[in-house]
N, C-alpha and C. Protein backbone atom coordinates (compact mmCIF):
# COMPACT_ATOMS: atom_id res chain seq x y z
N UNK A 1 13.19 86.66 61.92
CA UNK A 1 12.92 87.60 63.28
C UNK A 1 14.19 87.39 63.83
N UNK A 2 14.46 88.73 64.50
CA UNK A 2 15.67 88.82 64.93
C UNK A 2 15.56 88.51 66.48
N UNK A 3 16.65 87.76 67.26
CA UNK A 3 16.54 87.37 68.38
C UNK A 3 16.52 88.41 69.18
N UNK A 4 15.70 88.13 70.50
CA UNK A 4 15.89 89.09 71.58
C UNK A 4 17.28 89.15 72.80
N UNK A 5 18.06 90.36 72.75
CA UNK A 5 18.79 90.17 73.40
C UNK A 5 18.59 90.11 75.01
N UNK A 6 19.65 89.37 75.90
CA UNK A 6 19.19 89.75 77.16
C UNK A 6 19.79 90.96 77.63
N UNK A 7 18.88 91.78 78.32
CA UNK A 7 19.22 93.30 78.81
C UNK A 7 19.68 93.34 80.07
N UNK A 8 19.33 92.17 80.66
CA UNK A 8 19.99 92.26 81.92
C UNK A 8 21.41 92.26 82.29
N UNK A 9 21.56 93.03 83.14
CA UNK A 9 23.43 93.34 83.36
C UNK A 9 23.58 92.88 84.72
N UNK A 10 24.74 91.89 84.66
CA UNK A 10 25.01 91.53 85.38
C UNK A 10 25.97 92.23 86.63
N UNK A 11 25.75 92.57 88.00
CA UNK A 11 26.46 93.09 88.51
C UNK A 11 28.26 92.41 88.79
N UNK A 12 28.98 93.72 88.82
CA UNK A 12 30.59 92.90 89.11
C UNK A 12 30.80 92.84 90.60
N UNK A 13 31.58 91.99 90.98
CA UNK A 13 31.99 91.67 92.59
C UNK A 13 33.18 92.90 92.82
N UNK A 14 32.64 93.80 93.55
CA UNK A 14 33.78 94.73 93.83
C UNK A 14 34.18 94.52 95.08
N UNK A 15 35.47 94.81 95.52
CA UNK A 15 36.18 94.41 97.10
C UNK A 15 36.28 95.55 97.73
N UNK A 16 36.22 96.89 97.06
CA UNK A 16 36.10 98.23 97.85
C UNK A 16 34.93 98.18 98.52
N UNK A 17 34.60 98.58 99.67
CA UNK A 17 33.50 98.87 100.37
C UNK A 17 33.27 100.78 100.55
N UNK A 18 32.38 101.16 100.55
CA UNK A 18 31.89 102.48 101.13
C UNK A 18 32.58 102.98 102.39
N UNK A 19 33.25 104.02 102.42
CA UNK A 19 34.26 104.58 103.67
C UNK A 19 35.70 104.01 103.43
N UNK A 20 36.23 102.91 102.51
CA UNK A 20 37.52 102.98 102.37
C UNK A 20 38.23 104.31 101.92
N UNK A 21 39.59 104.13 102.03
CA UNK A 21 40.26 105.59 101.54
C UNK A 21 41.20 104.49 100.17
N UNK A 22 41.03 105.56 99.19
CA UNK A 22 41.52 104.95 98.01
C UNK A 22 42.51 105.89 97.64
N UNK A 23 43.48 105.43 96.37
CA UNK A 23 44.30 106.64 95.82
C UNK A 23 44.33 106.00 94.17
N UNK A 24 44.05 107.12 93.31
CA UNK A 24 43.41 106.99 92.11
C UNK A 24 45.21 106.48 91.42
N UNK A 25 45.11 105.38 90.49
CA UNK A 25 46.23 105.17 90.10
C UNK A 25 46.80 105.58 88.52
N UNK A 26 45.67 105.53 88.17
CA UNK A 26 45.91 106.42 86.55
C UNK A 26 45.03 107.30 85.92
N UNK A 27 44.94 107.92 85.18
CA UNK A 27 44.27 108.90 84.25
C UNK A 27 44.52 110.69 84.99
N UNK A 28 43.47 111.54 84.74
CA UNK A 28 43.32 112.74 85.27
C UNK A 28 43.59 113.05 86.83
N UNK A 29 43.46 112.25 87.84
CA UNK A 29 43.42 112.35 89.25
C UNK A 29 44.44 111.27 89.68
N UNK A 30 45.53 111.13 89.05
CA UNK A 30 46.48 110.22 89.74
C UNK A 30 46.98 110.74 90.84
N UNK A 31 47.23 109.79 91.78
CA UNK A 31 47.84 110.24 93.21
C UNK A 31 47.12 110.75 94.27
N UNK A 32 45.96 111.25 94.05
CA UNK A 32 44.92 111.89 94.49
C UNK A 32 43.92 110.35 95.47
N UNK A 33 43.67 111.21 96.67
CA UNK A 33 43.14 110.29 97.79
C UNK A 33 42.19 110.56 98.27
N UNK A 34 40.85 109.85 98.39
CA UNK A 34 39.67 110.40 98.85
C UNK A 34 39.15 108.69 99.54
N UNK A 35 37.69 109.20 100.08
CA UNK A 35 36.95 108.32 100.70
C UNK A 35 35.84 107.88 99.87
N UNK A 36 35.59 106.63 99.58
CA UNK A 36 34.64 106.17 98.78
C UNK A 36 33.21 106.43 99.60
N UNK A 37 32.54 107.40 99.06
CA UNK A 37 31.14 107.67 99.27
C UNK A 37 29.98 106.72 98.67
N UNK A 38 30.57 106.09 97.42
CA UNK A 38 29.18 105.17 96.70
C UNK A 38 29.89 103.87 96.00
N UNK A 39 29.40 102.87 95.88
CA UNK A 39 29.76 101.68 95.06
C UNK A 39 28.69 101.23 94.19
N UNK A 40 29.13 101.33 92.66
CA UNK A 40 28.10 101.25 91.98
C UNK A 40 28.69 99.75 91.09
N UNK A 41 28.01 98.63 91.80
CA UNK A 41 28.31 97.10 90.63
C UNK A 41 27.98 97.07 89.60
N UNK A 42 26.90 97.77 89.22
CA UNK A 42 26.53 97.72 87.64
C UNK A 42 27.36 98.34 86.76
N UNK A 43 27.79 99.27 87.39
CA UNK A 43 28.79 100.19 86.35
C UNK A 43 30.40 99.78 86.10
N UNK A 44 30.77 98.92 87.52
CA UNK A 44 31.62 98.64 87.86
C UNK A 44 33.01 99.97 88.08
N UNK A 45 31.98 100.56 88.86
CA UNK A 45 32.78 101.91 89.56
C UNK A 45 32.71 102.09 91.01
N UNK A 46 33.17 103.13 91.23
CA UNK A 46 33.16 103.76 92.62
C UNK A 46 33.05 105.44 92.65
N UNK A 47 32.38 105.95 93.75
CA UNK A 47 32.22 107.59 93.75
C UNK A 47 33.14 108.12 94.78
N UNK A 48 34.10 108.88 94.62
CA UNK A 48 35.02 109.02 95.52
C UNK A 48 34.87 110.66 95.66
N UNK A 49 34.91 110.70 97.28
CA UNK A 49 34.75 112.21 97.75
C UNK A 49 35.85 112.99 97.02
N UNK A 50 35.13 114.37 96.58
CA UNK A 50 35.84 115.42 95.98
C UNK A 50 36.77 114.89 94.64
N UNK A 51 36.45 113.89 94.04
CA UNK A 51 37.30 113.89 92.75
C UNK A 51 35.98 113.51 91.76
N UNK A 52 36.91 113.78 90.30
CA UNK A 52 35.99 113.92 89.15
C UNK A 52 34.69 114.54 89.11
N UNK A 53 34.57 115.90 89.59
CA UNK A 53 33.49 116.57 89.93
C UNK A 53 33.69 117.30 88.47
N UNK A 54 32.15 117.32 87.98
CA UNK A 54 31.86 117.76 86.69
C UNK A 54 30.55 118.79 86.79
N UNK A 55 30.35 119.92 86.09
CA UNK A 55 29.13 120.73 85.96
C UNK A 55 28.36 120.48 85.17
N UNK A 56 27.35 120.79 85.57
CA UNK A 56 25.89 120.14 84.83
C UNK A 56 24.87 121.20 84.90
N UNK A 57 24.49 121.89 83.79
CA UNK A 57 23.58 122.88 83.86
C UNK A 57 22.19 122.08 83.91
N UNK A 58 21.09 122.61 85.17
CA UNK A 58 19.85 122.15 85.40
C UNK A 58 19.01 123.22 84.88
N UNK A 59 17.70 122.58 84.06
CA UNK A 59 16.70 123.46 84.34
C UNK A 59 16.24 123.87 85.82
N UNK A 60 14.96 125.03 85.84
CA UNK A 60 14.40 125.06 86.86
C UNK A 60 13.71 123.84 87.06
N UNK A 61 13.51 123.17 88.39
CA UNK A 61 12.80 122.11 88.97
C UNK A 61 12.30 122.36 90.33
N UNK A 62 11.62 121.05 90.95
CA UNK A 62 11.46 121.32 92.48
C UNK A 62 12.70 121.72 93.22
N UNK A 63 13.80 120.69 93.10
CA UNK A 63 15.01 120.71 93.90
C UNK A 63 15.68 122.04 93.51
N UNK A 64 15.78 122.60 92.37
CA UNK A 64 16.66 123.52 91.74
C UNK A 64 15.74 124.61 90.95
N UNK A 65 14.71 125.45 92.09
CA UNK A 65 14.01 126.25 91.35
C UNK A 65 14.28 127.44 90.49
N UNK A 66 15.51 127.80 90.99
CA UNK A 66 16.26 128.89 90.01
C UNK A 66 17.27 128.23 88.67
N UNK A 67 17.38 126.87 88.89
CA UNK A 67 18.40 126.25 87.83
C UNK A 67 19.33 126.65 87.81
N UNK A 68 20.48 126.58 86.93
CA UNK A 68 21.60 126.87 87.05
C UNK A 68 22.44 126.09 86.86
N UNK A 69 23.77 125.86 87.16
CA UNK A 69 25.10 125.38 86.95
C UNK A 69 25.52 124.39 88.40
N UNK A 70 25.21 123.29 88.36
CA UNK A 70 25.84 122.71 90.25
C UNK A 70 26.60 121.33 89.37
N UNK A 71 27.45 121.24 90.49
CA UNK A 71 28.81 120.48 90.50
C UNK A 71 28.17 118.89 91.06
N UNK A 72 28.68 118.29 90.32
CA UNK A 72 28.30 116.59 90.36
C UNK A 72 29.36 115.74 90.53
N UNK A 73 29.51 114.88 91.58
CA UNK A 73 30.84 114.07 91.59
C UNK A 73 30.34 112.67 90.58
N UNK A 74 31.12 112.68 89.88
CA UNK A 74 30.94 111.04 88.90
C UNK A 74 31.89 110.45 89.21
N UNK A 75 31.24 108.84 89.08
CA UNK A 75 31.75 107.47 89.32
C UNK A 75 33.33 107.40 88.92
N UNK A 76 34.28 107.01 89.09
CA UNK A 76 35.27 106.18 88.69
C UNK A 76 35.56 105.18 88.64
N UNK A 77 36.45 104.41 87.36
CA UNK A 77 36.18 102.86 87.14
C UNK A 77 37.22 102.19 88.38
N UNK A 78 36.59 101.22 88.51
CA UNK A 78 37.24 100.70 89.96
C UNK A 78 38.79 99.82 89.52
N UNK A 79 39.16 99.83 88.30
CA UNK A 79 40.41 99.52 87.92
C UNK A 79 41.20 100.72 88.09
N UNK A 80 40.83 101.79 88.07
CA UNK A 80 42.08 102.87 88.11
C UNK A 80 41.96 103.68 89.75
N UNK A 81 41.12 102.83 90.73
CA UNK A 81 41.71 103.10 92.37
C UNK A 81 42.03 101.70 92.78
N UNK A 82 42.82 101.97 93.88
CA UNK A 82 43.35 100.82 94.85
C UNK A 82 43.22 101.43 96.15
N UNK A 83 42.93 100.66 97.23
CA UNK A 83 43.03 100.90 98.18
C UNK A 83 44.20 101.34 99.25
N UNK A 84 44.25 102.33 99.95
CA UNK A 84 45.65 102.62 100.58
C UNK A 84 45.66 102.08 101.71
N UNK A 85 47.12 101.47 101.82
CA UNK A 85 47.66 100.35 102.84
C UNK A 85 48.30 101.67 104.06
N UNK A 86 47.43 101.62 105.00
CA UNK A 86 47.98 102.75 106.08
C UNK A 86 49.52 102.71 106.21
N UNK A 87 50.22 101.45 106.45
CA UNK A 87 51.82 101.76 106.81
C UNK A 87 52.74 102.24 105.30
N UNK A 88 52.24 101.79 104.31
CA UNK A 88 53.05 102.73 103.50
C UNK A 88 52.64 103.59 102.90
N UNK A 89 51.10 104.05 102.56
CA UNK A 89 50.55 105.04 102.08
C UNK A 89 50.70 104.85 100.74
N UNK A 90 50.70 103.80 100.33
CA UNK A 90 50.50 103.43 98.64
C UNK A 90 49.39 102.51 98.46
N UNK A 91 48.76 102.83 97.10
CA UNK A 91 47.79 101.75 97.12
C UNK A 91 48.14 100.24 96.97
N UNK A 92 47.10 99.43 97.23
CA UNK A 92 47.32 97.89 97.24
C UNK A 92 45.93 97.50 96.49
N UNK A 93 46.38 96.15 96.31
CA UNK A 93 45.12 95.38 95.89
C UNK A 93 44.65 94.46 96.98
N UNK A 94 43.47 94.08 96.94
CA UNK A 94 42.93 93.18 97.72
C UNK A 94 42.66 92.00 97.30
N UNK A 95 42.87 91.02 98.57
CA UNK A 95 42.76 89.40 98.37
C UNK A 95 41.55 89.24 99.83
N UNK A 96 41.20 88.13 99.27
CA UNK A 96 40.29 87.27 100.52
C UNK A 96 40.97 86.45 101.33
N UNK A 97 40.89 86.12 102.55
CA UNK A 97 41.55 84.89 103.30
C UNK A 97 40.30 84.21 104.59
N UNK A 98 40.62 83.12 104.83
CA UNK A 98 39.88 83.13 105.89
C UNK A 98 40.50 82.86 107.40
N UNK A 99 40.19 83.53 108.38
CA UNK A 99 40.60 83.79 109.60
C UNK A 99 40.44 82.71 110.45
N UNK A 100 41.05 82.60 111.83
CA UNK A 100 40.98 81.54 112.75
C UNK A 100 39.48 80.82 112.87
N UNK A 101 38.28 81.94 112.75
CA UNK A 101 37.14 81.40 113.48
C UNK A 101 36.42 81.10 111.89
N UNK A 102 36.92 81.06 111.12
CA UNK A 102 36.44 80.69 109.50
C UNK A 102 35.84 81.77 108.65
N UNK A 103 35.43 82.97 109.38
CA UNK A 103 35.16 84.14 108.51
C UNK A 103 36.08 84.34 107.56
N UNK A 104 35.45 84.87 106.52
CA UNK A 104 36.06 85.78 105.24
C UNK A 104 36.41 87.04 105.55
N UNK A 105 37.97 87.32 105.21
CA UNK A 105 38.55 88.54 105.76
C UNK A 105 38.95 89.37 104.58
N UNK A 106 38.91 90.52 104.46
CA UNK A 106 39.72 91.34 103.51
C UNK A 106 41.19 91.58 103.89
N UNK A 107 42.03 91.21 102.80
CA UNK A 107 43.58 91.38 103.27
C UNK A 107 44.01 92.18 102.25
N UNK A 108 45.28 92.87 102.75
CA UNK A 108 46.14 93.70 101.73
C UNK A 108 47.03 92.71 101.16
N UNK A 109 47.12 92.96 99.32
CA UNK A 109 47.57 91.78 98.48
C UNK A 109 49.38 91.61 99.11
N UNK A 110 49.92 93.02 99.22
CA UNK A 110 51.32 93.30 99.41
C UNK A 110 51.74 92.97 100.95
N UNK A 111 51.06 93.03 101.77
CA UNK A 111 51.91 92.60 103.30
C UNK A 111 50.63 91.80 104.17
N UNK A 112 49.64 91.28 103.53
CA UNK A 112 48.89 90.18 104.05
C UNK A 112 48.41 90.96 105.48
N UNK A 113 48.31 92.01 105.68
CA UNK A 113 47.58 92.41 106.78
C UNK A 113 46.24 92.56 106.55
N UNK A 114 45.41 92.40 107.74
CA UNK A 114 43.53 92.68 107.67
C UNK A 114 43.39 93.43 107.60
N UNK A 115 42.29 94.05 106.52
CA UNK A 115 41.62 95.15 106.35
C UNK A 115 40.56 95.33 107.40
N UNK A 116 40.48 96.39 108.02
CA UNK A 116 39.61 96.65 109.25
C UNK A 116 38.39 97.26 108.38
N UNK A 117 37.13 96.74 108.87
CA UNK A 117 35.99 97.41 108.29
C UNK A 117 36.11 98.67 108.51
N UNK A 118 35.90 99.91 107.57
CA UNK A 118 35.58 101.24 107.44
C UNK A 118 34.41 101.67 108.62
N UNK A 119 35.10 102.71 109.48
CA UNK A 119 33.85 103.59 110.33
C UNK A 119 33.28 104.32 109.63
N UNK A 120 31.83 104.12 109.49
CA UNK A 120 30.94 104.98 109.03
C UNK A 120 30.12 105.59 109.81
N UNK A 121 30.05 106.95 109.58
CA UNK A 121 29.26 108.15 110.51
C UNK A 121 27.50 107.39 110.24
N UNK A 122 26.77 107.93 111.42
CA UNK A 122 25.42 107.32 111.36
C UNK A 122 24.65 108.09 110.18
N UNK A 123 24.96 109.04 109.83
CA UNK A 123 24.23 109.69 108.63
C UNK A 123 24.64 109.04 107.27
N UNK A 124 25.70 108.07 107.07
CA UNK A 124 26.16 107.43 106.00
C UNK A 124 25.27 106.10 105.70
N UNK A 125 24.60 105.98 106.54
CA UNK A 125 23.84 104.72 106.47
C UNK A 125 22.45 105.29 105.69
């Protein structure tokens, strides 16, 4: 008898959040920036606005009654993107520290400046 493998996928701990401005560090889109529109912890990836757009052929269905070719934004691996530091406009890594009140805070690795939470629009929630 064969042993049954555990099919449960453990989500990764991603330090980037929806609304963060990131720069692609390597690959086809190297040097391009955009905002994160979605975080995928199970895939260890993030979807960046207007990057990694692919065409998909769709059969007619309720959403697309005519069918055709549509553009889809695919996720990029987290290791390929870095959060943009506002002062230097370069990508940085993130670390966590505790502030004076004891709350956990995201901080830029290079400058130790606090990362303020991204401002999301009401339609983004």
